[in-house]
Amino acid sequence: MRRTERVFVQNLAIHGFHGLIPAEKTLGQKFFADIECLVTRDSPPSDTMEDAVDYGKLCDLAHDVSASGPFNLIETLAERIAQAVLETFPLVANVRVQVRKPNAPIRHFIDHVGVEIELTRNG
């Protein structure tokens, strides 16, 4: 029996210096990230961390990627997080990353703006 596991982190708050406006790169702002990882396997996991995706490490990874910036676009931030997940966690077959920017410097009342990227491992 083939099974799919979904490991996810929702609403991870990240402080970063990303954006096109100089003040965004100087002052920084809060971003929120969702990371969803799909793992497919033929048998149940072994009940050890070696056979799992550590969501604490997913959070650390997202913070580290953000700190490696600044990035002009949140699309770049989302892409880099997704790439890092695939590089770090060989069990992950597919990763979806959403990055939200609640304080986007636009003239409209919004809850947030954001992007979502999905990467699939080849092979």
PDB file of N, CA and C in Angstrom:
ATOM      1  N   MET A   1       0.853  -1.174   0.000  1.00  0.00           N
ATOM      2  CA  MET A   1       0.000   0.000   0.000  1.00  0.00           C
ATOM      3  C   MET A   1       0.904   1.244   0.000  1.00  0.00           C
ATOM      4  N   ARG A   2       0.674   2.135  -0.929  1.00  0.00           N
ATOM      5  CA  ARG A   2       1.426   3.396  -1.018  1.00  0.00           C
ATOM      6  C   ARG A   2       0.730   4.425  -0.141  1.00  0.00           C
ATOM      7  N   ARG A   3       1.486   5.133   0.650  1.00  0.00           N
ATOM      8  CA  ARG A   3       0.907   6.142   1.551  1.00  0.00           C
ATOM      9  C   ARG A   3       1.590   7.486   1.324  1.00  0.00           C
ATOM     10  N   THR A   4       0.865   8.538   1.603  1.00  0.00           N
ATOM     11  CA  THR A   4       1.397   9.894   1.529  1.00  0.00           C
ATOM     12  C   THR A   4       1.229  10.558   2.890  1.00  0.00           C
ATOM     13  N   GLU A   5       2.301  11.114   3.372  1.00  0.00           N
ATOM     14  CA  GLU A   5       2.265  11.871   4.630  1.00  0.00           C
ATOM     15  C   GLU A   5       2.414  13.343   4.300  1.00  0.00           C
ATOM     16  N   ARG A   6       1.712  14.162   5.040  1.00  0.00           N
ATOM     17  CA  ARG A   6       1.797  15.614   4.884  1.00  0.00           C
ATOM     18  C   ARG A   6       2.335  16.183   6.187  1.00  0.00           C
ATOM     19  N   VAL A   7       3.522  16.759   6.123  1.00  0.00           N
ATOM     20  CA  VAL A   7       4.137  17.402   7.286  1.00  0.00           C
ATOM     21  C   VAL A   7       4.094  18.899   7.021  1.00  0.00           C
ATOM     22  N   PHE A   8       3.577  19.667   7.974  1.00  0.00           N
ATOM     23  CA  PHE A   8       3.410  21.088   7.680  1.00  0.00           C
ATOM     24  C   PHE A   8       3.686  21.980   8.881  1.00  0.00           C
ATOM     25  N   VAL A   9       4.024  23.211   8.548  1.00  0.00           N
ATOM     26  CA  VAL A   9       4.187  24.298   9.509  1.00  0.00           C
ATOM     27  C   VAL A   9       3.303  25.426   8.995  1.00  0.00           C
ATOM     28  N   GLN A  10       2.504  26.018   9.866  1.00  0.00           N
ATOM     29  CA  GLN A  10       1.636  27.119   9.449  1.00  0.00           C
ATOM     30  C   GLN A  10       1.895  28.354  10.294  1.00  0.00           C
ATOM     31  N   ASN A  11       1.883  29.489   9.611  1.00  0.00           N
ATOM     32  CA  ASN A  11       2.011  30.801  10.250  1.00  0.00           C
ATOM     33  C   ASN A  11       3.313  30.987  11.024  1.00  0.00           C
ATOM     34  N   LEU A  12       4.398  30.484  10.459  1.00  0.00           N
ATOM     35  CA  LEU A  12       5.706  30.726  11.057  1.00  0.00           C
ATOM     36  C   LEU A  12       6.061  32.197  10.856  1.00  0.00           C
ATOM     37  N   ALA A  13       6.247  32.929  11.937  1.00  0.00           N
ATOM     38  CA  ALA A  13       6.624  34.341  11.852  1.00  0.00           C
ATOM     39  C   ALA A  13       8.128  34.451  11.637  1.00  0.00           C
ATOM     40  N   ILE A  14       8.484  35.231  10.634  1.00  0.00           N
ATOM     41  CA  ILE A  14       9.891  35.448  10.288  1.00  0.00           C
ATOM     42  C   ILE A  14      10.105  36.948  10.157  1.00  0.00           C
ATOM     43  N   HIS A  15      11.126  37.474  10.814  1.00  0.00           N
ATOM     44  CA  HIS A  15      11.493  38.870  10.600  1.00  0.00           C
ATOM     45  C   HIS A  15      12.544  38.892   9.505  1.00  0.00           C
ATOM     46  N   GLY A  16      12.337  39.755   8.500  1.00  0.00           N
ATOM     47  CA  GLY A  16      13.290  39.817   7.404  1.00  0.00           C
ATOM     48  C   GLY A  16      13.401  41.216   6.833  1.00  0.00           C
ATOM     49  N   PHE A  17      14.369  41.393   5.975  1.00  0.00           N
ATOM     50  CA  PHE A  17      14.664  42.692   5.368  1.00  0.00           C
ATOM     51  C   PHE A  17      14.433  42.618   3.857  1.00  0.00           C
ATOM     52  N   HIS A  18      13.301  42.064   3.477  1.00  0.00           N
ATOM     53  CA  HIS A  18      13.005  41.803   2.073  1.00  0.00           C
ATOM     54  C   HIS A  18      12.035  42.842   1.532  1.00  0.00           C
ATOM     55  N   GLY A  19      12.269  43.249   0.296  1.00  0.00           N
ATOM     56  CA  GLY A  19      11.377  44.201  -0.368  1.00  0.00           C
ATOM     57  C   GLY A  19      12.164  45.099  -1.300  1.00  0.00           C
ATOM     58  N   LEU A  20      11.423  45.851  -2.085  1.00  0.00           N
ATOM     59  CA  LEU A  20      12.041  46.741  -3.060  1.00  0.00           C
ATOM     60  C   LEU A  20      12.303  48.142  -2.520  1.00  0.00           C
ATOM     61  N   ILE A  21      11.550  48.540  -1.522  1.00  0.00           N
ATOM     62  CA  ILE A  21      11.674  49.891  -0.969  1.00  0.00           C
ATOM     63  C   ILE A  21      12.829  49.919   0.041  1.00  0.00           C
ATOM     64  N   PRO A  22      13.697  50.925  -0.018  1.00  0.00           N
ATOM     65  CA  PRO A  22      14.859  50.972   0.884  1.00  0.00           C
ATOM     66  C   PRO A  22      14.503  50.816   2.367  1.00  0.00           C
ATOM     67  N   ALA A  23      13.404  51.391   2.808  1.00  0.00           N
ATOM     68  CA  ALA A  23      13.024  51.275   4.223  1.00  0.00           C
ATOM     69  C   ALA A  23      12.765  49.824   4.620  1.00  0.00           C
ATOM     70  N   GLU A  24      12.265  49.021   3.692  1.00  0.00           N
ATOM     71  CA  GLU A  24      12.024  47.611   3.992  1.00  0.00           C
ATOM     72  C   GLU A  24      13.342  46.885   4.270  1.00  0.00           C
ATOM     73  N   LYS A  25      14.378  47.273   3.556  1.00  0.00           N
ATOM     74  CA  LYS A  25      15.683  46.643   3.739  1.00  0.00           C
ATOM     75  C   LYS A  25      16.404  47.179   4.985  1.00  0.00           C
ATOM     76  N   THR A  26      16.034  48.369   5.429  1.00  0.00           N
ATOM     77  CA  THR A  26      16.662  48.977   6.605  1.00  0.00           C
ATOM     78  C   THR A  26      15.953  48.573   7.894  1.00  0.00           C
ATOM     79  N   LEU A  27      14.637  48.708   7.909  1.00  0.00           N
ATOM     80  CA  LEU A  27      13.864  48.460   9.124  1.00  0.00           C
ATOM     81  C   LEU A  27      13.449  47.001   9.273  1.00  0.00           C
ATOM     82  N   GLY A  28      13.240  46.335   8.146  1.00  0.00           N
ATOM     83  CA  GLY A  28      12.736  44.970   8.187  1.00  0.00           C
ATOM     84  C   GLY A  28      11.262  44.950   8.529  1.00  0.00           C
ATOM     85  N   GLN A  29      10.700  43.764   8.452  1.00  0.00           N
ATOM     86  CA  GLN A  29       9.286  43.593   8.766  1.00  0.00           C
ATOM     87  C   GLN A  29       8.990  42.123   9.001  1.00  0.00           C
ATOM     88  N   LYS A  30       7.765  41.858   9.447  1.00  0.00           N
ATOM     89  CA  LYS A  30       7.349  40.497   9.730  1.00  0.00           C
ATOM     90  C   LYS A  30       6.764  39.863   8.470  1.00  0.00           C
ATOM     91  N   PHE A  31       7.134  38.606   8.249  1.00  0.00           N
ATOM     92  CA  PHE A  31       6.571  37.776   7.192  1.00  0.00           C
ATOM     93  C   PHE A  31       6.022  36.523   7.860  1.00  0.00           C
ATOM     94  N   PHE A  32       5.069  35.877   7.208  1.00  0.00           N
ATOM     95  CA  PHE A  32       4.552  34.606   7.696  1.00  0.00           C
ATOM     96  C   PHE A  32       4.745  33.560   6.617  1.00  0.00           C
ATOM     97  N   ALA A  33       5.162  32.371   7.023  1.00  0.00           N
ATOM     98  CA  ALA A  33       5.405  31.300   6.065  1.00  0.00           C
ATOM     99  C   ALA A  33       4.632  30.045   6.460  1.00  0.00           C
ATOM    100  N   ASP A  34       4.109  29.380   5.444  1.00  0.00           N
ATOM    101  CA  ASP A  34       3.551  28.038   5.573  1.00  0.00           C
ATOM    102  C   ASP A  34       4.439  27.128   4.743  1.00  0.00           C
ATOM    103  N   ILE A  35       4.784  25.995   5.287  1.00  0.00           N
ATOM    104  CA  ILE A  35       5.601  25.012   4.577  1.00  0.00           C
ATOM    105  C   ILE A  35       4.878  23.678   4.657  1.00  0.00           C
ATOM    106  N   GLU A  36       4.617  23.097   3.509  1.00  0.00           N
ATOM    107  CA  GLU A  36       3.943  21.798   3.462  1.00  0.00           C
ATOM    108  C   GLU A  36       4.823  20.818   2.689  1.00  0.00           C
ATOM    109  N   CYS A  37       5.155  19.703   3.312  1.00  0.00           N
ATOM    110  CA  CYS A  37       6.011  18.684   2.704  1.00  0.00           C
ATOM    111  C   CYS A  37       5.216  17.398   2.526  1.00  0.00           C
ATOM    112  N   LEU A  38       5.316  16.807   1.347  1.00  0.00           N
ATOM    113  CA  LEU A  38       4.689  15.513   1.099  1.00  0.00           C
ATOM    114  C   LEU A  38       5.767  14.453   1.024  1.00  0.00           C
ATOM    115  N   VAL A  39       5.543  13.399   1.775  1.00  0.00           N
ATOM    116  CA  VAL A  39       6.433  12.247   1.798  1.00  0.00           C
ATOM    117  C   VAL A  39       5.601  11.048   1.343  1.00  0.00           C
ATOM    118  N   THR A  40       6.093  10.330   0.343  1.00  0.00           N
ATOM    119  CA  THR A  40       5.403   9.110  -0.078  1.00  0.00           C
ATOM    120  C   THR A  40       6.281   7.920   0.271  1.00  0.00           C
ATOM    121  N   ARG A  41       5.641   6.866   0.764  1.00  0.00           N
ATOM    122  CA  ARG A  41       6.386   5.664   1.150  1.00  0.00           C
ATOM    123  C   ARG A  41       5.479   4.449   1.035  1.00  0.00           C
ATOM    124  N   ASP A  42       6.117   3.300   0.978  1.00  0.00           N
ATOM    125  CA  ASP A  42       5.386   2.045   0.835  1.00  0.00           C
ATOM    126  C   ASP A  42       5.026   1.399   2.163  1.00  0.00           C
ATOM    127  N   SER A  43       5.663   1.834   3.232  1.00  0.00           N
ATOM    128  CA  SER A  43       5.379   1.251   4.539  1.00  0.00           C
ATOM    129  C   SER A  43       5.317   2.368   5.578  1.00  0.00           C
ATOM    130  N   PRO A  44       4.725   2.100   6.717  1.00  0.00           N
ATOM    131  CA  PRO A  44       4.644   3.127   7.759  1.00  0.00           C
ATOM    132  C   PRO A  44       6.033   3.559   8.215  1.00  0.00           C
ATOM    133  N   PRO A  45       6.154   4.788   8.720  1.00  0.00           N
ATOM    134  CA  PRO A  45       7.442   5.240   9.240  1.00  0.00           C
ATOM    135  C   PRO A  45       7.855   4.401  10.449  1.00  0.00           C
ATOM    136  N   SER A  46       9.143   4.416  10.733  1.00  0.00           N
ATOM    137  CA  SER A  46       9.704   3.550  11.779  1.00  0.00           C
ATOM    138  C   SER A  46       9.549   4.109  13.194  1.00  0.00           C
ATOM    139  N   ASP A  47       8.948   5.255  13.346  1.00  0.00           N
ATOM    140  CA  ASP A  47       8.774   5.893  14.660  1.00  0.00           C
ATOM    141  C   ASP A  47      10.089   6.425  15.216  1.00  0.00           C
ATOM    142  N   THR A  48      11.012   6.805  14.310  1.00  0.00           N
ATOM    143  CA  THR A  48      12.257   7.458  14.710  1.00  0.00           C
ATOM    144  C   THR A  48      12.403   8.743  13.900  1.00  0.00           C
ATOM    145  N   MET A  49      13.143   9.695  14.443  1.00  0.00           N
ATOM    146  CA  MET A  49      13.333  10.968  13.739  1.00  0.00           C
ATOM    147  C   MET A  49      14.102  10.788  12.434  1.00  0.00           C
ATOM    148  N   GLU A  50      14.920   9.761  12.338  1.00  0.00           N
ATOM    149  CA  GLU A  50      15.656   9.523  11.093  1.00  0.00           C
ATOM    150  C   GLU A  50      14.714   9.191   9.947  1.00  0.00           C
ATOM    151  N   ASP A  51      13.514   8.776  10.262  1.00  0.00           N
ATOM    152  CA  ASP A  51      12.531   8.368   9.261  1.00  0.00           C
ATOM    153  C   ASP A  51      11.366   9.367   9.195  1.00  0.00           C
ATOM    154  N   ALA A  52      11.666  10.618   9.533  1.00  0.00           N
ATOM    155  CA  ALA A  52      10.613  11.639   9.580  1.00  0.00           C
ATOM    156  C   ALA A  52      11.168  12.985   9.120  1.00  0.00           C
ATOM    157  N   VAL A  53      10.264  13.912   8.875  1.00  0.00           N
ATOM    158  CA  VAL A  53      10.640  15.294   8.568  1.00  0.00           C
ATOM    159  C   VAL A  53      10.437  16.094   9.851  1.00  0.00           C
ATOM    160  N   ASP A  54      11.484  16.649  10.380  1.00  0.00           N
ATOM    161  CA  ASP A  54      11.476  17.376  11.652  1.00  0.00           C
ATOM    162  C   ASP A  54      10.938  18.789  11.421  1.00  0.00           C
ATOM    163  N   TYR A  55       9.727  19.066  11.913  1.00  0.00           N
ATOM    164  CA  TYR A  55       9.127  20.383  11.672  1.00  0.00           C
ATOM    165  C   TYR A  55       9.858  21.492  12.402  1.00  0.00           C
ATOM    166  N   GLY A  56      10.547  21.177  13.484  1.00  0.00           N
ATOM    167  CA  GLY A  56      11.389  22.188  14.143  1.00  0.00           C
ATOM    168  C   GLY A  56      12.535  22.610  13.238  1.00  0.00           C
ATOM    169  N   LYS A  57      13.117  21.637  12.540  1.00  0.00           N
ATOM    170  CA  LYS A  57      14.190  21.954  11.600  1.00  0.00           C
ATOM    171  C   LYS A  57      13.651  22.691  10.374  1.00  0.00           C
ATOM    172  N   LEU A  58      12.404  22.417   9.990  1.00  0.00           N
ATOM    173  CA  LEU A  58      11.791  23.197   8.909  1.00  0.00           C
ATOM    174  C   LEU A  58      11.731  24.671   9.298  1.00  0.00           C
ATOM    175  N   CYS A  59      11.344  24.943  10.534  1.00  0.00           N
ATOM    176  CA  CYS A  59      11.276  26.327  11.016  1.00  0.00           C
ATOM    177  C   CYS A  59      12.659  26.967  11.043  1.00  0.00           C
ATOM    178  N   ASP A  60      13.640  26.242  11.569  1.00  0.00           N
ATOM    179  CA  ASP A  60      15.011  26.761  11.601  1.00  0.00           C
ATOM    180  C   ASP A  60      15.505  27.069  10.193  1.00  0.00           C
ATOM    181  N   LEU A  61      15.213  26.181   9.269  1.00  0.00           N
ATOM    182  CA  LEU A  61      15.650  26.339   7.890  1.00  0.00           C
ATOM    183  C   LEU A  61      15.052  27.603   7.267  1.00  0.00           C
ATOM    184  N   ALA A  62      13.768  27.823   7.468  1.00  0.00           N
ATOM    185  CA  ALA A  62      13.114  29.014   6.916  1.00  0.00           C
ATOM    186  C   ALA A  62      13.718  30.291   7.498  1.00  0.00           C
ATOM    187  N   HIS A  63      13.990  30.284   8.799  1.00  0.00           N
ATOM    188  CA  HIS A  63      14.626  31.449   9.422  1.00  0.00           C
ATOM    189  C   HIS A  63      16.027  31.675   8.857  1.00  0.00           C
ATOM    190  N   ASP A  64      16.781  30.600   8.679  1.00  0.00           N
ATOM    191  CA  ASP A  64      18.138  30.723   8.141  1.00  0.00           C
ATOM    192  C   ASP A  64      18.125  31.254   6.714  1.00  0.00           C
ATOM    193  N   VAL A  65      17.212  30.761   5.899  1.00  0.00           N
ATOM    194  CA  VAL A  65      17.112  31.242   4.511  1.00  0.00           C
ATOM    195  C   VAL A  65      16.762  32.725   4.505  1.00  0.00           C
ATOM    196  N   SER A  66      15.815  33.125   5.333  1.00  0.00           N
ATOM    197  CA  SER A  66      15.433  34.538   5.392  1.00  0.00           C
ATOM    198  C   SER A  66      16.621  35.401   5.815  1.00  0.00           C
ATOM    199  N   ALA A  67      17.376  34.925   6.795  1.00  0.00           N
ATOM    200  CA  ALA A  67      18.537  35.680   7.284  1.00  0.00           C
ATOM    201  C   ALA A  67      19.653  35.762   6.249  1.00  0.00           C
ATOM    202  N   SER A  68      19.646  34.885   5.265  1.00  0.00           N
ATOM    203  CA  SER A  68      20.686  34.913   4.224  1.00  0.00           C
ATOM    204  C   SER A  68      20.419  36.013   3.197  1.00  0.00           C
ATOM    205  N   GLY A  69      19.255  36.677   3.283  1.00  0.00           N
ATOM    206  CA  GLY A  69      18.893  37.750   2.364  1.00  0.00           C
ATOM    207  C   GLY A  69      19.651  39.013   2.679  1.00  0.00           C
ATOM    208  N   PRO A  70      19.161  40.129   2.242  1.00  0.00           N
ATOM    209  CA  PRO A  70      17.780  40.394   1.844  1.00  0.00           C
ATOM    210  C   PRO A  70      17.500  40.007   0.393  1.00  0.00           C
ATOM    211  N   PHE A  71      16.217  39.788   0.128  1.00  0.00           N
ATOM    212  CA  PHE A  71      15.737  39.521  -1.216  1.00  0.00           C
ATOM    213  C   PHE A  71      14.793  40.652  -1.621  1.00  0.00           C
ATOM    214  N   ASN A  72      14.828  41.005  -2.870  1.00  0.00           N
ATOM    215  CA  ASN A  72      13.904  42.031  -3.363  1.00  0.00           C
ATOM    216  C   ASN A  72      12.466  41.530  -3.358  1.00  0.00           C
ATOM    217  N   LEU A  73      12.275  40.278  -3.727  1.00  0.00           N
ATOM    218  CA  LEU A  73      10.932  39.728  -3.911  1.00  0.00           C
ATOM    219  C   LEU A  73      10.669  38.592  -2.931  1.00  0.00           C
ATOM    220  N   ILE A  74       9.429  38.519  -2.444  1.00  0.00           N
ATOM    221  CA  ILE A  74       9.081  37.389  -1.585  1.00  0.00           C
ATOM    222  C   ILE A  74       8.993  36.104  -2.407  1.00  0.00           C
ATOM    223  N   GLU A  75       8.868  36.228  -3.714  1.00  0.00           N
ATOM    224  CA  GLU A  75       8.936  35.051  -4.579  1.00  0.00           C
ATOM    225  C   GLU A  75      10.299  34.366  -4.438  1.00  0.00           C
ATOM    226  N   THR A  76      11.340  35.170  -4.354  1.00  0.00           N
ATOM    227  CA  THR A  76      12.694  34.624  -4.185  1.00  0.00           C
ATOM    228  C   THR A  76      12.824  33.948  -2.829  1.00  0.00           C
ATOM    229  N   LEU A  77      12.303  34.573  -1.789  1.00  0.00           N
ATOM    230  CA  LEU A  77      12.341  33.980  -0.458  1.00  0.00           C
ATOM    231  C   LEU A  77      11.632  32.629  -0.452  1.00  0.00           C
ATOM    232  N   ALA A  78      10.445  32.560  -1.021  1.00  0.00           N
ATOM    233  CA  ALA A  78       9.690  31.304  -1.055  1.00  0.00           C
ATOM    234  C   ALA A  78      10.437  30.233  -1.846  1.00  0.00           C
ATOM    235  N   GLU A  79      11.000  30.603  -2.982  1.00  0.00           N
ATOM    236  CA  GLU A  79      11.756  29.665  -3.818  1.00  0.00           C
ATOM    237  C   GLU A  79      12.962  29.115  -3.069  1.00  0.00           C
ATOM    238  N   ARG A  80      13.696  29.988  -2.397  1.00  0.00           N
ATOM    239  CA  ARG A  80      14.898  29.552  -1.673  1.00  0.00           C
ATOM    240  C   ARG A  80      14.551  28.627  -0.508  1.00  0.00           C
ATOM    241  N   ILE A  81      13.444  28.925   0.173  1.00  0.00           N
ATOM    242  CA  ILE A  81      13.015  28.035   1.263  1.00  0.00           C
ATOM    243  C   ILE A  81      12.662  26.667   0.689  1.00  0.00           C
ATOM    244  N   ALA A  82      11.902  26.642  -0.393  1.00  0.00           N
ATOM    245  CA  ALA A  82      11.494  25.365  -0.999  1.00  0.00           C
ATOM    246  C   ALA A  82      12.706  24.567  -1.468  1.00  0.00           C
ATOM    247  N   GLN A  83      13.653  25.235  -2.116  1.00  0.00           N
ATOM    248  CA  GLN A  83      14.872  24.546  -2.563  1.00  0.00           C
ATOM    249  C   GLN A  83      15.646  23.966  -1.379  1.00  0.00           C
ATOM    250  N   ALA A  84      15.745  24.746  -0.309  1.00  0.00           N
ATOM    251  CA  ALA A  84      16.481  24.293   0.873  1.00  0.00           C
ATOM    252  C   ALA A  84      15.810  23.081   1.519  1.00  0.00           C
ATOM    253  N   VAL A  85      14.484  23.051   1.511  1.00  0.00           N
ATOM    254  CA  VAL A  85      13.763  21.899   2.065  1.00  0.00           C
ATOM    255  C   VAL A  85      14.116  20.637   1.279  1.00  0.00           C
ATOM    256  N   LEU A  86      14.073  20.726  -0.051  1.00  0.00           N
ATOM    257  CA  LEU A  86      14.394  19.551  -0.867  1.00  0.00           C
ATOM    258  C   LEU A  86      15.849  19.121  -0.700  1.00  0.00           C
ATOM    259  N   GLU A  87      16.749  20.088  -0.530  1.00  0.00           N
ATOM    260  CA  GLU A  87      18.165  19.758  -0.345  1.00  0.00           C
ATOM    261  C   GLU A  87      18.434  19.134   1.024  1.00  0.00           C
ATOM    262  N   THR A  88      17.674  19.537   2.027  1.00  0.00           N
ATOM    263  CA  THR A  88      17.921  19.122   3.403  1.00  0.00           C
ATOM    264  C   THR A  88      17.197  17.836   3.786  1.00  0.00           C
ATOM    265  N   PHE A  89      16.031  17.614   3.219  1.00  0.00           N
ATOM    266  CA  PHE A  89      15.195  16.485   3.620  1.00  0.00           C
ATOM    267  C   PHE A  89      14.963  15.545   2.434  1.00  0.00           C
ATOM    268  N   PRO A  90      15.778  14.508   2.291  1.00  0.00           N
ATOM    269  CA  PRO A  90      15.641  13.602   1.151  1.00  0.00           C
ATOM    270  C   PRO A  90      14.311  12.846   1.105  1.00  0.00           C
ATOM    271  N   LEU A  91      13.615  12.742   2.229  1.00  0.00           N
ATOM    272  CA  LEU A  91      12.314  12.069   2.243  1.00  0.00           C
ATOM    273  C   LEU A  91      11.230  12.872   1.530  1.00  0.00           C
ATOM    274  N   VAL A  92      11.409  14.175   1.421  1.00  0.00           N
ATOM    275  CA  VAL A  92      10.365  15.045   0.870  1.00  0.00           C
ATOM    276  C   VAL A  92      10.343  14.919  -0.655  1.00  0.00           C
ATOM    277  N   ALA A  93       9.185  14.529  -1.174  1.00  0.00           N
ATOM    278  CA  ALA A  93       9.011  14.393  -2.625  1.00  0.00           C
ATOM    279  C   ALA A  93       8.468  15.673  -3.242  1.00  0.00           C
ATOM    280  N   ASN A  94       7.731  16.436  -2.449  1.00  0.00           N
ATOM    281  CA  ASN A  94       7.079  17.640  -2.940  1.00  0.00           C
ATOM    282  C   ASN A  94       7.003  18.636  -1.791  1.00  0.00           C
ATOM    283  N   VAL A  95       7.267  19.910  -2.087  1.00  0.00           N
ATOM    284  CA  VAL A  95       7.176  20.938  -1.051  1.00  0.00           C
ATOM    285  C   VAL A  95       6.414  22.136  -1.600  1.00  0.00           C
ATOM    286  N   ARG A  96       5.553  22.681  -0.761  1.00  0.00           N
ATOM    287  CA  ARG A  96       4.816  23.897  -1.102  1.00  0.00           C
ATOM    288  C   ARG A  96       5.121  24.929  -0.021  1.00  0.00           C
ATOM    289  N   VAL A  97       5.521  26.123  -0.444  1.00  0.00           N
ATOM    290  CA  VAL A  97       5.851  27.198   0.489  1.00  0.00           C
ATOM    291  C   VAL A  97       5.004  28.409   0.143  1.00  0.00           C
ATOM    292  N   GLN A  98       4.353  28.945   1.146  1.00  0.00           N
ATOM    293  CA  GLN A  98       3.597  30.186   0.992  1.00  0.00           C
ATOM    294  C   GLN A  98       4.235  31.226   1.909  1.00  0.00           C
ATOM    295  N   VAL A  99       4.483  32.405   1.362  1.00  0.00           N
ATOM    296  CA  VAL A  99       5.018  33.515   2.159  1.00  0.00           C
ATOM    297  C   VAL A  99       4.024  34.657   2.081  1.00  0.00           C
ATOM    298  N   ARG A 100       3.628  35.170   3.249  1.00  0.00           N
ATOM    299  CA  ARG A 100       2.687  36.284   3.329  1.00  0.00           C
ATOM    300  C   ARG A 100       3.383  37.508   3.912  1.00  0.00           C
ATOM    301  N   LYS A 101       3.001  38.651   3.389  1.00  0.00           N
ATOM    302  CA  LYS A 101       3.576  39.930   3.813  1.00  0.00           C
ATOM    303  C   LYS A 101       2.413  40.800   4.311  1.00  0.00           C
ATOM    304  N   PRO A 102       2.234  40.888   5.628  1.00  0.00           N
ATOM    305  CA  PRO A 102       1.069  41.613   6.158  1.00  0.00           C
ATOM    306  C   PRO A 102       1.177  43.137   6.062  1.00  0.00           C
ATOM    307  N   ASN A 103       2.379  43.660   5.953  1.00  0.00           N
ATOM    308  CA  ASN A 103       2.542  45.114   5.929  1.00  0.00           C
ATOM    309  C   ASN A 103       3.119  45.592   4.607  1.00  0.00           C
ATOM    310  N   ALA A 104       2.588  45.056   3.528  1.00  0.00           N
ATOM    311  CA  ALA A 104       3.069  45.467   2.208  1.00  0.00           C
ATOM    312  C   ALA A 104       2.825  46.962   2.018  1.00  0.00           C
ATOM    313  N   PRO A 105       3.811  47.679   1.476  1.00  0.00           N
ATOM    314  CA  PRO A 105       3.674  49.128   1.311  1.00  0.00           C
ATOM    315  C   PRO A 105       2.819  49.477   0.082  1.00  0.00           C
ATOM    316  N   ILE A 106       1.529  49.232   0.202  1.00  0.00           N
ATOM    317  CA  ILE A 106       0.594  49.585  -0.865  1.00  0.00           C
ATOM    318  C   ILE A 106      -0.534  50.415  -0.272  1.00  0.00           C
ATOM    319  N   ARG A 107      -1.286  51.105  -1.124  1.00  0.00           N
ATOM    320  CA  ARG A 107      -2.309  52.047  -0.645  1.00  0.00           C
ATOM    321  C   ARG A 107      -3.671  51.402  -0.438  1.00  0.00           C
ATOM    322  N   HIS A 108      -3.714  50.146  -0.114  1.00  0.00           N
ATOM    323  CA  HIS A 108      -4.995  49.470   0.059  1.00  0.00           C
ATOM    324  C   HIS A 108      -5.032  48.791   1.414  1.00  0.00           C
ATOM    325  N   PHE A 109      -6.230  48.652   1.953  1.00  0.00           N
ATOM    326  CA  PHE A 109      -6.407  47.946   3.218  1.00  0.00           C
ATOM    327  C   PHE A 109      -6.440  46.453   2.924  1.00  0.00           C
ATOM    328  N   ILE A 110      -5.492  45.743   3.473  1.00  0.00           N
ATOM    329  CA  ILE A 110      -5.372  44.309   3.227  1.00  0.00           C
ATOM    330  C   ILE A 110      -5.058  43.591   4.525  1.00  0.00           C
ATOM    331  N   ASP A 111      -5.326  42.327   4.551  1.00  0.00           N
ATOM    332  CA  ASP A 111      -4.859  41.486   5.647  1.00  0.00           C
ATOM    333  C   ASP A 111      -3.402  41.111   5.381  1.00  0.00           C
ATOM    334  N   HIS A 112      -3.134  40.708   4.144  1.00  0.00           N
ATOM    335  CA  HIS A 112      -1.778  40.392   3.715  1.00  0.00           C
ATOM    336  C   HIS A 112      -1.777  40.158   2.205  1.00  0.00           C
ATOM    337  N   VAL A 113      -0.590  40.195   1.629  1.00  0.00           N
ATOM    338  CA  VAL A 113      -0.368  39.761   0.253  1.00  0.00           C
ATOM    339  C   VAL A 113       0.612  38.608   0.337  1.00  0.00           C
ATOM    340  N   GLY A 114       0.749  37.844  -0.737  1.00  0.00           N
ATOM    341  CA  GLY A 114       1.679  36.743  -0.639  1.00  0.00           C
ATOM    342  C   GLY A 114       1.886  36.003  -1.938  1.00  0.00           C
ATOM    343  N   VAL A 115       2.740  35.013  -1.843  1.00  0.00           N
ATOM    344  CA  VAL A 115       3.045  34.141  -2.978  1.00  0.00           C
ATOM    345  C   VAL A 115       3.082  32.703  -2.475  1.00  0.00           C
ATOM    346  N   GLU A 116       2.925  31.790  -3.416  1.00  0.00           N
ATOM    347  CA  GLU A 116       3.040  30.382  -3.106  1.00  0.00           C
ATOM    348  C   GLU A 116       3.828  29.705  -4.215  1.00  0.00           C
ATOM    349  N   ILE A 117       4.736  28.839  -3.839  1.00  0.00           N
ATOM    350  CA  ILE A 117       5.536  28.100  -4.825  1.00  0.00           C
ATOM    351  C   ILE A 117       5.494  26.631  -4.437  1.00  0.00           C
ATOM    352  N   GLU A 118       5.517  25.783  -5.449  1.00  0.00           N
ATOM    353  CA  GLU A 118       5.528  24.340  -5.214  1.00  0.00           C
ATOM    354  C   GLU A 118       6.638  23.724  -6.060  1.00  0.00           C
ATOM    355  N   LEU A 119       7.486  22.932  -5.432  1.00  0.00           N
ATOM    356  CA  LEU A 119       8.565  22.236  -6.115  1.00  0.00           C
ATOM    357  C   LEU A 119       8.400  20.738  -5.897  1.00  0.00           C
ATOM    358  N   THR A 120       8.691  19.976  -6.947  1.00  0.00           N
ATOM    359  CA  THR A 120       8.645  18.523  -6.878  1.00  0.00           C
ATOM    360  C   THR A 120      10.028  17.978  -7.180  1.00  0.00           C
ATOM    361  N   ARG A 121      10.446  17.026  -6.384  1.00  0.00           N
ATOM    362  CA  ARG A 121      11.748  16.397  -6.563  1.00  0.00           C
ATOM    363  C   ARG A 121      11.731  15.579  -7.856  1.00  0.00           C
ATOM    364  N   ASN A 122      12.772  15.681  -8.629  1.00  0.00           N
ATOM    365  CA  ASN A 122      12.908  14.854  -9.828  1.00  0.00           C
ATOM    366  C   ASN A 122      13.527  13.522  -9.444  1.00  0.00           C
ATOM    367  N   GLY A 123      12.886  12.447  -9.878  1.00  0.00           N
ATOM    368  CA  GLY A 123      13.444  11.116  -9.597  1.00  0.00           C
ATOM    369  C   GLY A 123      13.001  10.621  -8.339  1.00  0.00           C
TER     370      GLY A 123
END
